[in-house]
PDB file of N, CA and C in Angstrom:
ATOM      1  N   MET A   1     132.836  76.689 107.893  1.00  0.00           N
ATOM      2  CA  MET A   1     131.939  76.952 109.028  1.00  0.00           C
ATOM      3  C   MET A   1     131.894  78.411 109.312  1.00  0.00           C
ATOM      4  N   SER A   2     130.720  78.888 109.647  1.00  0.00           N
ATOM      5  CA  SER A   2     130.528  80.327 109.978  1.00  0.00           C
ATOM      6  C   SER A   2     130.055  80.427 111.410  1.00  0.00           C
ATOM      7  N   GLU A   3     130.809  81.158 112.182  1.00  0.00           N
ATOM      8  CA  GLU A   3     130.421  81.398 113.606  1.00  0.00           C
ATOM      9  C   GLU A   3     129.106  82.149 113.653  1.00  0.00           C
ATOM     10  N   GLY A   4     128.790  82.869 112.594  1.00  0.00           N
ATOM     11  CA  GLY A   4     127.607  83.682 112.589  1.00  0.00           C
ATOM     12  C   GLY A   4     126.335  82.869 112.656  1.00  0.00           C
ATOM     13  N   VAL A   5     126.337  81.607 112.291  1.00  0.00           N
ATOM     14  CA  VAL A   5     125.098  80.766 112.365  1.00  0.00           C
ATOM     15  C   VAL A   5     125.249  79.679 113.431  1.00  0.00           C
ATOM     16  N   ALA A   6     126.160  79.935 114.379  1.00  0.00           N
ATOM     17  CA  ALA A   6     126.265  78.994 115.503  1.00  0.00           C
ATOM     18  C   ALA A   6     125.091  79.223 116.446  1.00  0.00           C
ATOM     19  N   GLU A   7     124.642  78.111 117.102  1.00  0.00           N
ATOM     20  CA  GLU A   7     123.492  78.172 117.996  1.00  0.00           C
ATOM     21  C   GLU A   7     123.717  79.060 119.235  1.00  0.00           C
ATOM     22  N   PHE A   8     122.660  79.586 119.796  1.00  0.00           N
ATOM     23  CA  PHE A   8     122.802  80.516 120.946  1.00  0.00           C
ATOM     24  C   PHE A   8     123.445  79.878 122.174  1.00  0.00           C
ATOM     25  N   ASP A   9     123.373  78.564 122.294  1.00  0.00           N
ATOM     26  CA  ASP A   9     123.936  77.911 123.471  1.00  0.00           C
ATOM     27  C   ASP A   9     125.258  77.170 123.133  1.00  0.00           C
ATOM     28  N   ARG A  10     125.926  77.612 122.108  1.00  0.00           N
ATOM     29  CA  ARG A  10     127.132  76.929 121.632  1.00  0.00           C
ATOM     30  C   ARG A  10     128.226  76.837 122.667  1.00  0.00           C
ATOM     31  N   ASN A  11     128.249  77.720 123.648  1.00  0.00           N
ATOM     32  CA  ASN A  11     129.327  77.680 124.643  1.00  0.00           C
ATOM     33  C   ASN A  11     128.861  77.039 125.982  1.00  0.00           C
ATOM     34  N   SER A  12     127.686  76.435 125.923  1.00  0.00           N
ATOM     35  CA  SER A  12     127.146  75.781 127.095  1.00  0.00           C
ATOM     36  C   SER A  12     127.984  74.573 127.499  1.00  0.00           C
ATOM     37  N   ARG A  13     128.037  74.281 128.747  1.00  0.00           N
ATOM     38  CA  ARG A  13     128.831  73.140 129.224  1.00  0.00           C
ATOM     39  C   ARG A  13     128.098  71.826 129.045  1.00  0.00           C
ATOM     40  N   GLU A  14     126.794  71.888 128.794  1.00  0.00           N
ATOM     41  CA  GLU A  14     126.019  70.665 128.597  1.00  0.00           C
ATOM     42  C   GLU A  14     124.939  70.929 127.507  1.00  0.00           C
ATOM     43  N   TYR A  15     124.482  69.854 126.943  1.00  0.00           N
ATOM     44  CA  TYR A  15     123.421  69.955 125.982  1.00  0.00           C
ATOM     45  C   TYR A  15     122.330  68.947 126.342  1.00  0.00           C
ATOM     46  N   VAL A  16     121.137  69.452 126.475  1.00  0.00           N
ATOM     47  CA  VAL A  16     119.949  68.599 126.752  1.00  0.00           C
ATOM     48  C   VAL A  16     118.977  68.926 125.651  1.00  0.00           C
ATOM     49  N   PRO A  17     118.586  67.891 124.839  1.00  0.00           N
ATOM     50  CA  PRO A  17     117.626  68.168 123.783  1.00  0.00           C
ATOM     51  C   PRO A  17     116.367  68.757 124.303  1.00  0.00           C
ATOM     52  N   VAL A  18     115.767  69.688 123.568  1.00  0.00           N
ATOM     53  CA  VAL A  18     114.559  70.370 123.999  1.00  0.00           C
ATOM     54  C   VAL A  18     113.441  69.351 124.249  1.00  0.00           C
ATOM     55  N   GLU A  19     113.414  68.268 123.493  1.00  0.00           N
ATOM     56  CA  GLU A  19     112.376  67.249 123.693  1.00  0.00           C
ATOM     57  C   GLU A  19     112.478  66.647 125.096  1.00  0.00           C
ATOM     58  N   GLU A  20     113.713  66.445 125.528  1.00  0.00           N
ATOM     59  CA  GLU A  20     113.918  65.892 126.877  1.00  0.00           C
ATOM     60  C   GLU A  20     113.523  66.929 127.963  1.00  0.00           C
ATOM     61  N   LEU A  21     113.851  68.165 127.746  1.00  0.00           N
ATOM     62  CA  LEU A  21     113.469  69.221 128.701  1.00  0.00           C
ATOM     63  C   LEU A  21     111.962  69.266 128.825  1.00  0.00           C
ATOM     64  N   ARG A  22     111.268  69.204 127.666  1.00  0.00           N
ATOM     65  CA  ARG A  22     109.814  69.245 127.658  1.00  0.00           C
ATOM     66  C   ARG A  22     109.227  68.005 128.321  1.00  0.00           C
ATOM     67  N   ALA A  23     109.694  66.823 127.914  1.00  0.00           N
ATOM     68  CA  ALA A  23     109.146  65.541 128.393  1.00  0.00           C
ATOM     69  C   ALA A  23     109.266  65.385 129.921  1.00  0.00           C
ATOM     70  N   THR A  24     110.369  65.894 130.470  1.00  0.00           N
ATOM     71  CA  THR A  24     110.615  65.778 131.918  1.00  0.00           C
ATOM     72  C   THR A  24     110.116  66.975 132.720  1.00  0.00           C
ATOM     73  N   ASN A  25     109.500  67.918 131.999  1.00  0.00           N
ATOM     74  CA  ASN A  25     108.989  69.137 132.595  1.00  0.00           C
ATOM     75  C   ASN A  25     110.145  69.850 133.389  1.00  0.00           C
ATOM     76  N   ASP A  26     111.291  69.845 132.789  1.00  0.00           N
ATOM     77  CA  ASP A  26     112.473  70.450 133.398  1.00  0.00           C
ATOM     78  C   ASP A  26     112.235  71.952 133.558  1.00  0.00           C
ATOM     79  N   PRO A  27     112.637  72.523 134.691  1.00  0.00           N
ATOM     80  CA  PRO A  27     112.481  73.986 134.884  1.00  0.00           C
ATOM     81  C   PRO A  27     113.124  74.852 133.763  1.00  0.00           C
ATOM     82  N   ARG A  28     114.146  74.322 133.123  1.00  0.00           N
ATOM     83  CA  ARG A  28     114.754  75.056 132.025  1.00  0.00           C
ATOM     84  C   ARG A  28     113.781  75.155 130.825  1.00  0.00           C
ATOM     85  N   TRP A  29     112.896  74.170 130.658  1.00  0.00           N
ATOM     86  CA  TRP A  29     111.892  74.262 129.599  1.00  0.00           C
ATOM     87  C   TRP A  29     110.946  75.399 129.863  1.00  0.00           C
ATOM     88  N   GLU A  30     110.488  75.485 131.108  1.00  0.00           N
ATOM     89  CA  GLU A  30     109.579  76.592 131.470  1.00  0.00           C
ATOM     90  C   GLU A  30     110.239  77.936 131.287  1.00  0.00           C
ATOM     91  N   LYS A  31     111.526  78.016 131.584  1.00  0.00           N
ATOM     92  CA  LYS A  31     112.259  79.310 131.368  1.00  0.00           C
ATOM     93  C   LYS A  31     112.319  79.637 129.886  1.00  0.00           C
ATOM     94  N   LEU A  32     112.570  78.629 129.057  1.00  0.00           N
ATOM     95  CA  LEU A  32     112.619  78.863 127.593  1.00  0.00           C
ATOM     96  C   LEU A  32     111.260  79.369 127.061  1.00  0.00           C
ATOM     97  N   LEU A  33     110.179  78.801 127.590  1.00  0.00           N
ATOM     98  CA  LEU A  33     108.891  79.232 127.190  1.00  0.00           C
ATOM     99  C   LEU A  33     108.611  80.690 127.560  1.00  0.00           C
ATOM    100  N   ARG A  34     109.206  81.124 128.637  1.00  0.00           N
ATOM    101  CA  ARG A  34     109.043  82.544 129.087  1.00  0.00           C
ATOM    102  C   ARG A  34     110.036  83.469 128.366  1.00  0.00           C
ATOM    103  N   GLY A  35     110.898  82.890 127.517  1.00  0.00           N
ATOM    104  CA  GLY A  35     111.896  83.705 126.840  1.00  0.00           C
ATOM    105  C   GLY A  35     113.138  83.992 127.628  1.00  0.00           C
ATOM    106  N   GLU A  36     113.335  83.256 128.699  1.00  0.00           N
ATOM    107  CA  GLU A  36     114.558  83.419 129.531  1.00  0.00           C
ATOM    108  C   GLU A  36     115.627  82.502 128.991  1.00  0.00           C
ATOM    109  N   TRP A  37     116.797  83.029 128.889  1.00  0.00           N
ATOM    110  CA  TRP A  37     117.924  82.286 128.338  1.00  0.00           C
ATOM    111  C   TRP A  37     118.844  81.979 129.486  1.00  0.00           C
ATOM    112  N   ASP A  38     118.685  80.822 130.118  1.00  0.00           N
ATOM    113  CA  ASP A  38     119.502  80.437 131.246  1.00  0.00           C
ATOM    114  C   ASP A  38     120.853  79.862 130.801  1.00  0.00           C
ATOM    115  N   GLY A  39     121.946  80.392 131.366  1.00  0.00           N
ATOM    116  CA  GLY A  39     123.275  79.868 131.051  1.00  0.00           C
ATOM    117  C   GLY A  39     123.785  80.197 129.653  1.00  0.00           C
ATOM    118  N   VAL A  40     123.218  81.199 129.007  1.00  0.00           N
ATOM    119  CA  VAL A  40     123.614  81.570 127.647  1.00  0.00           C
ATOM    120  C   VAL A  40     124.396  82.848 127.726  1.00  0.00           C
ATOM    121  N   ASP A  41     125.523  82.912 126.994  1.00  0.00           N
ATOM    122  CA  ASP A  41     126.403  84.058 127.027  1.00  0.00           C
ATOM    123  C   ASP A  41     125.925  85.233 126.184  1.00  0.00           C
ATOM    124  N   GLU A  42     124.970  84.999 125.281  1.00  0.00           N
ATOM    125  CA  GLU A  42     124.611  85.995 124.265  1.00  0.00           C
ATOM    126  C   GLU A  42     123.201  86.503 124.483  1.00  0.00           C
ATOM    127  N   ASP A  43     122.995  87.796 124.464  1.00  0.00           N
ATOM    128  CA  ASP A  43     121.700  88.398 124.569  1.00  0.00           C
ATOM    129  C   ASP A  43     120.870  88.020 123.341  1.00  0.00           C
ATOM    130  N   PRO A  44     119.565  87.736 123.530  1.00  0.00           N
ATOM    131  CA  PRO A  44     118.721  87.309 122.405  1.00  0.00           C
ATOM    132  C   PRO A  44     118.717  88.257 121.212  1.00  0.00           C
ATOM    133  N   SER A  45     118.747  89.567 121.446  1.00  0.00           N
ATOM    134  CA  SER A  45     118.743  90.507 120.320  1.00  0.00           C
ATOM    135  C   SER A  45     120.076  90.474 119.585  1.00  0.00           C
ATOM    136  N   ILE A  46     121.152  90.268 120.302  1.00  0.00           N
ATOM    137  CA  ILE A  46     122.459  90.164 119.669  1.00  0.00           C
ATOM    138  C   ILE A  46     122.529  88.869 118.810  1.00  0.00           C
ATOM    139  N   PHE A  47     121.953  87.800 119.365  1.00  0.00           N
ATOM    140  CA  PHE A  47     121.914  86.516 118.658  1.00  0.00           C
ATOM    141  C   PHE A  47     121.139  86.655 117.355  1.00  0.00           C
ATOM    142  N   LYS A  48     119.959  87.279 117.412  1.00  0.00           N
ATOM    143  CA  LYS A  48     119.172  87.458 116.194  1.00  0.00           C
ATOM    144  C   LYS A  48     119.913  88.319 115.194  1.00  0.00           C
ATOM    145  N   ALA A  49     120.474  89.429 115.644  1.00  0.00           N
ATOM    146  CA  ALA A  49     121.199  90.294 114.719  1.00  0.00           C
ATOM    147  C   ALA A  49     122.367  89.562 114.047  1.00  0.00           C
ATOM    148  N   ARG A  50     123.081  88.774 114.824  1.00  0.00           N
ATOM    149  CA  ARG A  50     124.190  87.992 114.267  1.00  0.00           C
ATOM    150  C   ARG A  50     123.729  87.026 113.201  1.00  0.00           C
ATOM    151  N   VAL A  51     122.670  86.259 113.506  1.00  0.00           N
ATOM    152  CA  VAL A  51     122.129  85.310 112.565  1.00  0.00           C
ATOM    153  C   VAL A  51     121.687  85.976 111.259  1.00  0.00           C
ATOM    154  N   VAL A  52     120.830  87.013 111.399  1.00  0.00           N
ATOM    155  CA  VAL A  52     120.306  87.697 110.229  1.00  0.00           C
ATOM    156  C   VAL A  52     121.435  88.303 109.424  1.00  0.00           C
ATOM    157  N   ALA A  53     122.409  88.973 110.028  1.00  0.00           N
ATOM    158  CA  ALA A  53     123.491  89.573 109.284  1.00  0.00           C
ATOM    159  C   ALA A  53     124.313  88.501 108.530  1.00  0.00           C
ATOM    160  N   THR A  54     124.541  87.361 109.159  1.00  0.00           N
ATOM    161  CA  THR A  54     125.311  86.306 108.552  1.00  0.00           C
ATOM    162  C   THR A  54     124.630  85.699 107.343  1.00  0.00           C
ATOM    163  N   VAL A  55     123.368  85.384 107.519  1.00  0.00           N
ATOM    164  CA  VAL A  55     122.572  84.798 106.418  1.00  0.00           C
ATOM    165  C   VAL A  55     122.475  85.766 105.291  1.00  0.00           C
ATOM    166  N   GLU A  56     122.199  87.048 105.562  1.00  0.00           N
ATOM    167  CA  GLU A  56     122.091  88.042 104.527  1.00  0.00           C
ATOM    168  C   GLU A  56     123.452  88.227 103.801  1.00  0.00           C
ATOM    169  N   ASP A  57     124.534  88.152 104.527  1.00  0.00           N
ATOM    170  CA  ASP A  57     125.857  88.278 103.945  1.00  0.00           C
ATOM    171  C   ASP A  57     126.120  87.089 102.972  1.00  0.00           C
ATOM    172  N   LEU A  58     125.733  85.875 103.411  1.00  0.00           N
ATOM    173  CA  LEU A  58     125.900  84.671 102.555  1.00  0.00           C
ATOM    174  C   LEU A  58     125.066  84.835 101.266  1.00  0.00           C
ATOM    175  N   ILE A  59     123.880  85.359 101.385  1.00  0.00           N
ATOM    176  CA  ILE A  59     123.065  85.561 100.180  1.00  0.00           C
ATOM    177  C   ILE A  59     123.679  86.599  99.274  1.00  0.00           C
ATOM    178  N   ALA A  60     124.192  87.662  99.842  1.00  0.00           N
ATOM    179  CA  ALA A  60     124.769  88.747  99.027  1.00  0.00           C
ATOM    180  C   ALA A  60     126.043  88.265  98.312  1.00  0.00           C
ATOM    181  N   ARG A  61     126.757  87.310  98.899  1.00  0.00           N
ATOM    182  CA  ARG A  61     127.973  86.802  98.266  1.00  0.00           C
ATOM    183  C   ARG A  61     127.716  85.798  97.139  1.00  0.00           C
ATOM    184  N   HIS A  62     126.440  85.390  97.024  1.00  0.00           N
ATOM    185  CA  HIS A  62     126.093  84.388  96.002  1.00  0.00           C
ATOM    186  C   HIS A  62     124.895  84.829  95.184  1.00  0.00           C
ATOM    187  N   PRO A  63     124.933  85.999  94.520  1.00  0.00           N
ATOM    188  CA  PRO A  63     123.732  86.468  93.799  1.00  0.00           C
ATOM    189  C   PRO A  63     123.363  85.489  92.670  1.00  0.00           C
ATOM    190  N   GLY A  64     122.101  85.192  92.608  1.00  0.00           N
ATOM    191  CA  GLY A  64     121.585  84.273  91.600  1.00  0.00           C
ATOM    192  C   GLY A  64     121.886  82.818  91.884  1.00  0.00           C
ATOM    193  N   GLY A  65     122.582  82.517  92.995  1.00  0.00           N
ATOM    194  CA  GLY A  65     122.911  81.163  93.315  1.00  0.00           C
ATOM    195  C   GLY A  65     122.069  80.620  94.418  1.00  0.00           C
ATOM    196  N   ARG A  66     122.475  79.462  94.912  1.00  0.00           N
ATOM    197  CA  ARG A  66     121.818  78.816  96.042  1.00  0.00           C
ATOM    198  C   ARG A  66     122.760  78.838  97.248  1.00  0.00           C
ATOM    199  N   VAL A  67     122.196  79.105  98.387  1.00  0.00           N
ATOM    200  CA  VAL A  67     122.991  79.097  99.620  1.00  0.00           C
ATOM    201  C   VAL A  67     122.369  78.069 100.519  1.00  0.00           C
ATOM    202  N   VAL A  68     123.197  77.207 101.087  1.00  0.00           N
ATOM    203  CA  VAL A  68     122.716  76.140 102.019  1.00  0.00           C
ATOM    204  C   VAL A  68     123.373  76.435 103.344  1.00  0.00           C
ATOM    205  N   VAL A  69     122.556  76.560 104.370  1.00  0.00           N
ATOM    206  CA  VAL A  69     123.048  76.780 105.719  1.00  0.00           C
ATOM    207  C   VAL A  69     122.594  75.605 106.563  1.00  0.00           C
ATOM    208  N   VAL A  70     123.566  74.956 107.224  1.00  0.00           N
ATOM    209  CA  VAL A  70     123.277  73.833 108.120  1.00  0.00           C
ATOM    210  C   VAL A  70     123.429  74.361 109.497  1.00  0.00           C
ATOM    211  N   CYS A  71     122.348  74.290 110.268  1.00  0.00           N
ATOM    212  CA  CYS A  71     122.374  74.942 111.619  1.00  0.00           C
ATOM    213  C   CYS A  71     121.343  74.314 112.542  1.00  0.00           C
ATOM    214  N   HIS A  72     121.220  74.875 113.708  1.00  0.00           N
ATOM    215  CA  HIS A  72     120.275  74.403 114.718  1.00  0.00           C
ATOM    216  C   HIS A  72     118.967  75.204 114.678  1.00  0.00           C
ATOM    217  N   GLY A  73     118.022  74.747 115.472  1.00  0.00           N
ATOM    218  CA  GLY A  73     116.676  75.334 115.456  1.00  0.00           C
ATOM    219  C   GLY A  73     116.552  76.808 115.916  1.00  0.00           C
ATOM    220  N   GLY A  74     117.407  77.205 116.812  1.00  0.00           N
ATOM    221  CA  GLY A  74     117.394  78.620 117.234  1.00  0.00           C
ATOM    222  C   GLY A  74     117.746  79.514 116.070  1.00  0.00           C
ATOM    223  N   VAL A  75     118.728  79.123 115.323  1.00  0.00           N
ATOM    224  CA  VAL A  75     119.138  79.945 114.168  1.00  0.00           C
ATOM    225  C   VAL A  75     117.976  79.976 113.121  1.00  0.00           C
ATOM    226  N   ILE A  76     117.436  78.845 112.853  1.00  0.00           N
ATOM    227  CA  ILE A  76     116.329  78.763 111.878  1.00  0.00           C
ATOM    228  C   ILE A  76     115.142  79.664 112.341  1.00  0.00           C
ATOM    229  N   ASN A  77     114.830  79.549 113.605  1.00  0.00           N
ATOM    230  CA  ASN A  77     113.712  80.350 114.137  1.00  0.00           C
ATOM    231  C   ASN A  77     114.001  81.824 114.007  1.00  0.00           C
ATOM    232  N   GLN A  78     115.193  82.231 114.346  1.00  0.00           N
ATOM    233  CA  GLN A  78     115.479  83.708 114.289  1.00  0.00           C
ATOM    234  C   GLN A  78     115.493  84.243 112.863  1.00  0.00           C
ATOM    235  N   TYR A  79     116.003  83.491 111.907  1.00  0.00           N
ATOM    236  CA  TYR A  79     115.999  84.008 110.529  1.00  0.00           C
ATOM    237  C   TYR A  79     114.593  84.043 109.975  1.00  0.00           C
ATOM    238  N   LEU A  80     113.816  82.952 110.194  1.00  0.00           N
ATOM    239  CA  LEU A  80     112.454  82.925 109.646  1.00  0.00           C
ATOM    240  C   LEU A  80     111.575  83.958 110.337  1.00  0.00           C
ATOM    241  N   ALA A  81     111.787  84.177 111.616  1.00  0.00           N
ATOM    242  CA  ALA A  81     111.074  85.239 112.323  1.00  0.00           C
ATOM    243  C   ALA A  81     111.370  86.584 111.708  1.00  0.00           C
ATOM    244  N   HIS A  82     112.637  86.808 111.340  1.00  0.00           N
ATOM    245  CA  HIS A  82     113.022  88.023 110.653  1.00  0.00           C
ATOM    246  C   HIS A  82     112.300  88.197 109.360  1.00  0.00           C
ATOM    247  N   VAL A  83     112.261  87.134 108.540  1.00  0.00           N
ATOM    248  CA  VAL A  83     111.582  87.215 107.229  1.00  0.00           C
ATOM    249  C   VAL A  83     110.091  87.493 107.408  1.00  0.00           C
ATOM    250  N   LEU A  84     109.505  86.889 108.455  1.00  0.00           N
ATOM    251  CA  LEU A  84     108.082  87.088 108.709  1.00  0.00           C
ATOM    252  C   LEU A  84     107.759  88.396 109.406  1.00  0.00           C
ATOM    253  N   GLY A  85     108.805  89.032 109.988  1.00  0.00           N
ATOM    254  CA  GLY A  85     108.626  90.297 110.681  1.00  0.00           C
ATOM    255  C   GLY A  85     107.996  90.128 112.049  1.00  0.00           C
ATOM    256  N   ILE A  86     108.335  89.025 112.696  1.00  0.00           N
ATOM    257  CA  ILE A  86     107.829  88.784 114.085  1.00  0.00           C
ATOM    258  C   ILE A  86     108.985  88.745 115.054  1.00  0.00           C
ATOM    259  N   GLU A  87     108.662  89.055 116.294  1.00  0.00           N
ATOM    260  CA  GLU A  87     109.683  89.003 117.356  1.00  0.00           C
ATOM    261  C   GLU A  87     109.508  87.731 118.180  1.00  0.00           C
ATOM    262  N   THR A  88     110.632  87.091 118.412  1.00  0.00           N
ATOM    263  CA  THR A  88     110.588  85.891 119.296  1.00  0.00           C
ATOM    264  C   THR A  88     111.983  85.736 119.883  1.00  0.00           C
ATOM    265  N   HIS A  89     112.033  85.435 121.177  1.00  0.00           N
ATOM    266  CA  HIS A  89     113.332  85.231 121.830  1.00  0.00           C
ATOM    267  C   HIS A  89     113.889  83.851 121.571  1.00  0.00           C
ATOM    268  N   VAL A  90     113.013  82.850 121.706  1.00  0.00           N
ATOM    269  CA  VAL A  90     113.467  81.474 121.522  1.00  0.00           C
ATOM    270  C   VAL A  90     113.073  80.958 120.197  1.00  0.00           C
ATOM    271  N   GLY A  91     111.784  81.029 119.858  1.00  0.00           N
ATOM    272  CA  GLY A  91     111.302  80.548 118.600  1.00  0.00           C
ATOM    273  C   GLY A  91     109.795  80.534 118.549  1.00  0.00           C
ATOM    274  N   PHE A  92     109.296  80.405 117.368  1.00  0.00           N
ATOM    275  CA  PHE A  92     107.847  80.385 117.188  1.00  0.00           C
ATOM    276  C   PHE A  92     107.357  79.043 116.687  1.00  0.00           C
ATOM    277  N   PHE A  93     108.265  78.143 116.358  1.00  0.00           N
ATOM    278  CA  PHE A  93     107.913  76.794 115.901  1.00  0.00           C
ATOM    279  C   PHE A  93     109.012  75.834 116.234  1.00  0.00           C
ATOM    280  N   TYR A  94     108.733  74.535 116.114  1.00  0.00           N
ATOM    281  CA  TYR A  94     109.702  73.524 116.412  1.00  0.00           C
ATOM    282  C   TYR A  94     110.227  72.919 115.110  1.00  0.00           C
ATOM    283  N   PRO A  95     111.474  73.219 114.716  1.00  0.00           N
ATOM    284  CA  PRO A  95     112.026  72.599 113.504  1.00  0.00           C
ATOM    285  C   PRO A  95     112.356  71.148 113.748  1.00  0.00           C
ATOM    286  N   LYS A  96     111.894  70.279 112.899  1.00  0.00           N
ATOM    287  CA  LYS A  96     112.216  68.841 113.007  1.00  0.00           C
ATOM    288  C   LYS A  96     113.699  68.667 112.696  1.00  0.00           C
ATOM    289  N   TYR A  97     114.294  67.666 113.342  1.00  0.00           N
ATOM    290  CA  TYR A  97     115.680  67.341 113.063  1.00  0.00           C
ATOM    291  C   TYR A  97     115.884  67.068 111.585  1.00  0.00           C
ATOM    292  N   THR A  98     116.882  67.653 111.002  1.00  0.00           N
ATOM    293  CA  THR A  98     117.295  67.514 109.584  1.00  0.00           C
ATOM    294  C   THR A  98     116.234  67.989 108.614  1.00  0.00           C
ATOM    295  N   SER A  99     115.286  68.775 109.049  1.00  0.00           N
ATOM    296  CA  SER A  99     114.263  69.328 108.158  1.00  0.00           C
ATOM    297  C   SER A  99     114.876  70.437 107.292  1.00  0.00           C
ATOM    298  N   ILE A 100     114.205  70.727 106.252  1.00  0.00           N
ATOM    299  CA  ILE A 100     114.595  71.768 105.269  1.00  0.00           C
ATOM    300  C   ILE A 100     113.667  72.948 105.299  1.00  0.00           C
ATOM    301  N   HIS A 101     114.186  74.117 105.318  1.00  0.00           N
ATOM    302  CA  HIS A 101     113.425  75.367 105.328  1.00  0.00           C
ATOM    303  C   HIS A 101     113.958  76.218 104.150  1.00  0.00           C
ATOM    304  N   ARG A 102     113.074  76.581 103.241  1.00  0.00           N
ATOM    305  CA  ARG A 102     113.534  77.298 102.049  1.00  0.00           C
ATOM    306  C   ARG A 102     113.027  78.716 102.016  1.00  0.00           C
ATOM    307  N   VAL A 103     113.961  79.627 101.656  1.00  0.00           N
ATOM    308  CA  VAL A 103     113.618  81.055 101.537  1.00  0.00           C
ATOM    309  C   VAL A 103     114.113  81.541 100.172  1.00  0.00           C
ATOM    310  N   MET A 104     113.251  82.220  99.463  1.00  0.00           N
ATOM    311  CA  MET A 104     113.649  82.840  98.204  1.00  0.00           C
ATOM    312  C   MET A 104     114.128  84.218  98.530  1.00  0.00           C
ATOM    313  N   ALA A 105     115.274  84.589  97.962  1.00  0.00           N
ATOM    314  CA  ALA A 105     115.918  85.843  98.218  1.00  0.00           C
ATOM    315  C   ALA A 105     115.987  86.664  96.915  1.00  0.00           C
ATOM    316  N   ALA A 106     115.181  87.672  96.780  1.00  0.00           N
ATOM    317  CA  ALA A 106     115.228  88.533  95.594  1.00  0.00           C
ATOM    318  C   ALA A 106     116.369  89.536  95.729  1.00  0.00           C
ATOM    319  N   ARG A 107     116.916  89.942  94.605  1.00  0.00           N
ATOM    320  CA  ARG A 107     118.010  90.936  94.608  1.00  0.00           C
ATOM    321  C   ARG A 107     117.531  92.238  95.170  1.00  0.00           C
ATOM    322  N   SER A 108     116.241  92.519  95.164  1.00  0.00           N
ATOM    323  CA  SER A 108     115.645  93.748  95.681  1.00  0.00           C
ATOM    324  C   SER A 108     115.731  93.762  97.189  1.00  0.00           C
ATOM    325  N   GLY A 109     116.025  92.616  97.834  1.00  0.00           N
ATOM    326  CA  GLY A 109     116.037  92.536  99.265  1.00  0.00           C
ATOM    327  C   GLY A 109     114.814  91.834  99.845  1.00  0.00           C
ATOM    328  N   GLN A 110     113.821  91.648  99.024  1.00  0.00           N
ATOM    329  CA  GLN A 110     112.593  90.946  99.471  1.00  0.00           C
ATOM    330  C   GLN A 110     112.932  89.460  99.730  1.00  0.00           C
ATOM    331  N   ARG A 111     112.359  88.930 100.828  1.00  0.00           N
ATOM    332  CA  ARG A 111     112.546  87.508 101.220  1.00  0.00           C
ATOM    333  C   ARG A 111     111.169  86.903 101.307  1.00  0.00           C
ATOM    334  N   SER A 112     111.021  85.690 100.760  1.00  0.00           N
ATOM    335  CA  SER A 112     109.773  84.964 100.840  1.00  0.00           C
ATOM    336  C   SER A 112     110.026  83.547 101.332  1.00  0.00           C
ATOM    337  N   ILE A 113     109.226  83.090 102.292  1.00  0.00           N
ATOM    338  CA  ILE A 113     109.404  81.728 102.758  1.00  0.00           C
ATOM    339  C   ILE A 113     108.691  80.794 101.773  1.00  0.00           C
ATOM    340  N   VAL A 114     109.415  79.807 101.310  1.00  0.00           N
ATOM    341  CA  VAL A 114     108.884  78.813 100.359  1.00  0.00           C
ATOM    342  C   VAL A 114     108.401  77.637 101.123  1.00  0.00           C
ATOM    343  N   SER A 115     109.107  77.182 102.121  1.00  0.00           N
ATOM    344  CA  SER A 115     108.683  76.037 102.917  1.00  0.00           C
ATOM    345  C   SER A 115     109.325  76.069 104.312  1.00  0.00           C
ATOM    346  N   ILE A 116     108.643  75.461 105.259  1.00  0.00           N
ATOM    347  CA  ILE A 116     109.137  75.254 106.608  1.00  0.00           C
ATOM    348  C   ILE A 116     108.962  73.812 106.992  1.00  0.00           C
ATOM    349  N   ASN A 117     109.971  73.219 107.565  1.00  0.00           N
ATOM    350  CA  ASN A 117     109.898  71.863 108.086  1.00  0.00           C
ATOM    351  C   ASN A 117     109.700  70.775 107.058  1.00  0.00           C
ATOM    352  N   GLU A 118     110.272  70.935 105.850  1.00  0.00           N
ATOM    353  CA  GLU A 118     110.169  69.876 104.860  1.00  0.00           C
ATOM    354  C   GLU A 118     110.902  68.653 105.461  1.00  0.00           C
ATOM    355  N   ALA A 119     110.284  67.518 105.351  1.00  0.00           N
ATOM    356  CA  ALA A 119     110.874  66.269 105.851  1.00  0.00           C
ATOM    357  C   ALA A 119     110.635  65.055 104.989  1.00  0.00           C
ATOM    358  N   SER A 120     110.210  65.289 103.773  1.00  0.00           N
ATOM    359  CA  SER A 120     109.916  64.159 102.850  1.00  0.00           C
ATOM    360  C   SER A 120     111.207  63.342 102.577  1.00  0.00           C
ATOM    361  N   HIS A 121     112.336  63.966 102.684  1.00  0.00           N
ATOM    362  CA  HIS A 121     113.638  63.230 102.425  1.00  0.00           C
ATOM    363  C   HIS A 121     113.939  62.253 103.538  1.00  0.00           C
ATOM    364  N   LEU A 122     113.203  62.304 104.646  1.00  0.00           N
ATOM    365  CA  LEU A 122     113.440  61.386 105.749  1.00  0.00           C
ATOM    366  C   LEU A 122     112.674  60.116 105.657  1.00  0.00           C
ATOM    367  N   ARG A 123     111.790  59.954 104.679  1.00  0.00           N
ATOM    368  CA  ARG A 123     110.918  58.772 104.578  1.00  0.00           C
ATOM    369  C   ARG A 123     111.740  57.565 104.106  1.00  0.00           C
TER     370      ARG A 123
END
């Protein structure tokens, strides 16, 4: 396990799935939409930097190989946002539970998204 790919709310005292927050119109959902991180110990920019550095380190340690990272949606959003060159505090898309997201990593440092939200294995 790598602490570097732990979710932004890993130290939270409670967990409420984002679907539940959205379905009940919970005020925390509205805060997430505005990019506010309620009850989170880590600044969004520090979270993104940690995630990107960890994933890039894993890639560097396995040149020519495959790296599999099992993580939560916030981590996926931050790394894919990095690859796409966009800024987001919470996320820009909703990763399905147990979905697969593939990124090709060239030794030159170039990253290319191959797929987002693959779920055919769930059928």
